[in-house]
């Protein structure tokens, strides 16, 4: 079942829409999105964070993938209701 997933940057609020596939999650990560904990950050904010004092807190690809999978599962569950 294809469902649109709307992700949002936790800093600036930028939104990006993707279909709920693993390949699309990987593309989002490759485009520069990153995370701190469960919060997602767009490429522009990631660069700002990297250049600031919290740069070492960015979680990297593995955590960001898990966060995106959580968003995808939530979107799929809402679509079933």
N, C-alpha and C. Protein backbone atom coordinates (compact mmCIF):
# COMPACT_ATOMS: atom_id res chain seq x y z
N UNK A 1 0.85 -1.17 0.00
CA UNK A 1 0.00 0.00 0.00
C UNK A 1 0.90 1.24 0.00
N UNK A 2 0.74 2.08 -1.00
CA UNK A 2 1.52 3.31 -1.07
C UNK A 2 0.77 4.42 -0.34
N UNK A 3 1.49 5.05 0.56
CA UNK A 3 0.95 6.14 1.36
C UNK A 3 1.96 7.27 1.33
N UNK A 4 1.50 8.49 1.26
CA UNK A 4 2.38 9.65 1.32
C UNK A 4 2.73 9.94 2.78
N UNK A 5 4.00 10.17 3.01
CA UNK A 5 4.49 10.49 4.35
C UNK A 5 5.02 11.92 4.31
N UNK A 6 4.51 12.74 5.18
CA UNK A 6 4.90 14.14 5.25
C UNK A 6 5.84 14.30 6.44
N UNK A 7 7.15 14.48 6.17
CA UNK A 7 8.10 14.68 7.25
C UNK A 7 8.33 16.18 7.44
N UNK A 8 8.75 16.55 8.64
CA UNK A 8 8.91 17.96 8.95
C UNK A 8 10.18 18.18 9.77
N UNK A 9 10.91 19.25 9.42
CA UNK A 9 12.11 19.63 10.16
C UNK A 9 11.69 20.15 11.54
N UNK A 10 12.37 19.65 12.55
CA UNK A 10 12.06 20.06 13.93
C UNK A 10 12.56 21.45 14.27
N UNK A 11 13.36 22.05 13.40
CA UNK A 11 13.87 23.39 13.66
C UNK A 11 13.08 24.44 12.88
N UNK A 12 13.11 24.35 11.56
CA UNK A 12 12.51 25.41 10.74
C UNK A 12 11.10 25.09 10.26
N UNK A 13 10.67 23.84 10.39
CA UNK A 13 9.33 23.47 9.97
C UNK A 13 9.20 23.07 8.52
N UNK A 14 10.32 23.06 7.77
CA UNK A 14 10.26 22.67 6.36
C UNK A 14 9.66 21.27 6.26
N UNK A 15 8.79 21.12 5.29
CA UNK A 15 8.13 19.83 5.08
C UNK A 15 8.59 19.22 3.76
N UNK A 16 8.63 17.91 3.76
CA UNK A 16 8.93 17.18 2.54
C UNK A 16 8.05 15.95 2.50
N UNK A 17 7.51 15.66 1.34
CA UNK A 17 6.62 14.52 1.18
C UNK A 17 7.35 13.40 0.47
N UNK A 18 7.13 12.17 0.94
CA UNK A 18 7.72 11.02 0.30
C UNK A 18 6.74 9.87 0.36
N UNK A 19 6.91 8.90 -0.54
CA UNK A 19 6.10 7.68 -0.44
C UNK A 19 6.74 6.78 0.60
N UNK A 20 5.93 5.90 1.14
CA UNK A 20 6.36 5.08 2.28
C UNK A 20 7.17 3.85 1.86
N UNK A 21 8.33 4.08 1.26
CA UNK A 21 9.19 2.97 0.90
C UNK A 21 10.58 3.16 1.51
N UNK A 22 11.27 2.05 1.67
CA UNK A 22 12.63 2.10 2.20
C UNK A 22 13.52 2.91 1.27
N UNK A 23 13.38 2.72 -0.04
CA UNK A 23 14.20 3.46 -1.00
C UNK A 23 14.01 4.97 -0.85
N UNK A 24 12.80 5.40 -0.62
CA UNK A 24 12.55 6.84 -0.44
C UNK A 24 13.15 7.35 0.86
N UNK A 25 13.12 6.53 1.89
CA UNK A 25 13.76 6.93 3.15
C UNK A 25 15.26 7.10 2.95
N UNK A 26 15.86 6.19 2.20
CA UNK A 26 17.29 6.28 1.92
C UNK A 26 17.60 7.54 1.11
N UNK A 27 16.75 7.88 0.16
CA UNK A 27 16.95 9.10 -0.64
C UNK A 27 16.86 10.35 0.22
N UNK A 28 15.95 10.36 1.17
CA UNK A 28 15.82 11.51 2.08
C UNK A 28 17.11 11.68 2.87
N UNK A 29 17.65 10.59 3.37
CA UNK A 29 18.91 10.65 4.12
C UNK A 29 20.04 11.13 3.23
N UNK A 30 20.12 10.60 2.02
CA UNK A 30 21.18 11.00 1.09
C UNK A 30 21.06 12.47 0.69
N UNK A 31 19.85 13.02 0.75
CA UNK A 31 19.67 14.43 0.40
C UNK A 31 20.13 15.36 1.53
N UNK A 32 20.46 14.78 2.69
CA UNK A 32 21.03 15.61 3.76
C UNK A 32 20.24 15.68 5.05
N UNK A 33 19.07 15.05 5.12
CA UNK A 33 18.31 15.06 6.36
C UNK A 33 19.08 14.26 7.41
N UNK A 34 18.98 14.68 8.67
CA UNK A 34 19.63 13.98 9.78
C UNK A 34 18.71 14.08 10.99
N UNK A 35 19.16 13.56 12.10
CA UNK A 35 18.31 13.55 13.29
C UNK A 35 19.13 13.71 14.56
N UNK A 36 18.42 14.11 15.59
CA UNK A 36 18.93 14.08 16.96
C UNK A 36 17.80 13.43 17.75
N UNK A 37 18.06 12.25 18.26
CA UNK A 37 16.99 11.49 18.90
C UNK A 37 15.92 11.18 17.87
N UNK A 38 14.67 11.53 18.17
CA UNK A 38 13.58 11.27 17.23
C UNK A 38 13.22 12.51 16.40
N UNK A 39 13.97 13.58 16.56
CA UNK A 39 13.70 14.82 15.83
C UNK A 39 14.46 14.82 14.50
N UNK A 40 13.75 15.15 13.42
CA UNK A 40 14.35 15.23 12.10
C UNK A 40 14.74 16.67 11.78
N UNK A 41 15.82 16.82 11.01
CA UNK A 41 16.29 18.14 10.60
C UNK A 41 16.60 18.13 9.11
N UNK A 42 16.15 19.18 8.41
CA UNK A 42 16.36 19.32 6.97
C UNK A 42 17.84 19.63 6.69
N UNK A 43 18.26 19.48 5.44
CA UNK A 43 19.67 19.72 5.11
C UNK A 43 20.19 21.10 5.53
N UNK A 44 19.39 22.14 5.35
CA UNK A 44 19.82 23.49 5.72
C UNK A 44 20.07 23.59 7.22
N UNK A 45 19.17 23.05 8.01
CA UNK A 45 19.32 23.11 9.46
C UNK A 45 20.44 22.17 9.92
N UNK A 46 20.64 21.06 9.23
CA UNK A 46 21.74 20.16 9.56
C UNK A 46 23.06 20.90 9.43
N UNK A 47 23.22 21.67 8.37
CA UNK A 47 24.47 22.43 8.20
C UNK A 47 24.64 23.45 9.32
N UNK A 48 23.56 24.09 9.72
CA UNK A 48 23.62 25.06 10.81
C UNK A 48 24.01 24.35 12.11
N UNK A 49 23.43 23.18 12.35
CA UNK A 49 23.74 22.43 13.57
C UNK A 49 25.20 21.97 13.55
N UNK A 50 25.66 21.48 12.40
CA UNK A 50 27.05 21.03 12.29
C UNK A 50 28.04 22.14 12.60
N UNK A 51 27.70 23.36 12.22
CA UNK A 51 28.58 24.50 12.44
C UNK A 51 28.43 25.13 13.82
N UNK A 52 27.46 24.66 14.58
CA UNK A 52 27.22 25.20 15.92
C UNK A 52 27.78 24.28 16.99
N UNK A 53 27.43 24.57 18.19
CA UNK A 53 27.99 23.81 19.31
C UNK A 53 27.32 22.45 19.51
N UNK A 54 26.22 22.18 18.80
CA UNK A 54 25.52 20.90 18.94
C UNK A 54 25.84 19.93 17.80
N UNK A 55 26.80 20.25 16.99
CA UNK A 55 27.12 19.43 15.82
C UNK A 55 27.43 17.99 16.13
N UNK A 56 28.04 17.74 17.27
CA UNK A 56 28.38 16.37 17.61
C UNK A 56 27.18 15.56 18.09
N UNK A 57 26.03 16.19 18.20
CA UNK A 57 24.82 15.49 18.63
C UNK A 57 24.05 14.87 17.48
N UNK A 58 24.34 15.25 16.24
CA UNK A 58 23.63 14.66 15.11
C UNK A 58 23.83 13.15 15.14
N UNK A 59 22.74 12.41 14.96
CA UNK A 59 22.77 10.96 15.18
C UNK A 59 23.28 10.17 13.98
N UNK A 60 23.19 10.73 12.78
CA UNK A 60 23.68 10.01 11.61
C UNK A 60 22.63 9.18 10.90
N UNK A 61 23.10 8.44 9.91
CA UNK A 61 22.22 7.73 8.98
C UNK A 61 21.38 6.64 9.65
N UNK A 62 21.97 5.85 10.51
CA UNK A 62 21.24 4.72 11.10
C UNK A 62 20.06 5.20 11.93
N UNK A 63 20.29 6.16 12.81
CA UNK A 63 19.20 6.69 13.63
C UNK A 63 18.15 7.38 12.76
N UNK A 64 18.60 8.14 11.78
CA UNK A 64 17.66 8.86 10.91
C UNK A 64 16.80 7.88 10.14
N UNK A 65 17.37 6.77 9.70
CA UNK A 65 16.61 5.73 9.01
C UNK A 65 15.53 5.17 9.93
N UNK A 66 15.89 4.90 11.18
CA UNK A 66 14.91 4.36 12.14
C UNK A 66 13.79 5.37 12.37
N UNK A 67 14.13 6.64 12.50
CA UNK A 67 13.12 7.69 12.70
C UNK A 67 12.17 7.73 11.48
N UNK A 68 12.74 7.68 10.28
CA UNK A 68 11.91 7.71 9.08
C UNK A 68 11.01 6.47 8.99
N UNK A 69 11.52 5.32 9.38
CA UNK A 69 10.69 4.10 9.38
C UNK A 69 9.53 4.24 10.35
N UNK A 70 9.77 4.90 11.47
CA UNK A 70 8.69 5.16 12.43
C UNK A 70 7.60 6.04 11.80
N UNK A 71 8.03 7.09 11.08
CA UNK A 71 7.06 7.96 10.39
C UNK A 71 6.27 7.15 9.36
N UNK A 72 6.96 6.27 8.63
CA UNK A 72 6.31 5.46 7.61
C UNK A 72 5.29 4.52 8.24
N UNK A 73 5.67 3.84 9.31
CA UNK A 73 4.74 2.92 9.97
C UNK A 73 3.52 3.66 10.51
N UNK A 74 3.72 4.83 11.07
CA UNK A 74 2.58 5.62 11.55
C UNK A 74 1.66 6.00 10.41
N UNK A 75 2.22 6.40 9.27
CA UNK A 75 1.40 6.76 8.11
C UNK A 75 0.62 5.57 7.59
N UNK A 76 1.25 4.41 7.55
CA UNK A 76 0.55 3.19 7.11
C UNK A 76 -0.58 2.83 8.06
N UNK A 77 -0.34 2.92 9.36
CA UNK A 77 -1.37 2.61 10.35
C UNK A 77 -2.54 3.57 10.25
N UNK A 78 -2.27 4.85 10.02
CA UNK A 78 -3.37 5.83 9.88
C UNK A 78 -4.17 5.54 8.61
N UNK A 79 -3.50 5.09 7.56
CA UNK A 79 -4.19 4.80 6.29
C UNK A 79 -5.11 3.60 6.42
N UNK A 80 -4.81 2.69 7.32
CA UNK A 80 -5.65 1.50 7.51
C UNK A 80 -6.94 1.82 8.23
N UNK A 81 -6.92 2.87 9.05
CA UNK A 81 -8.11 3.24 9.85
C UNK A 81 -9.22 3.79 9.00
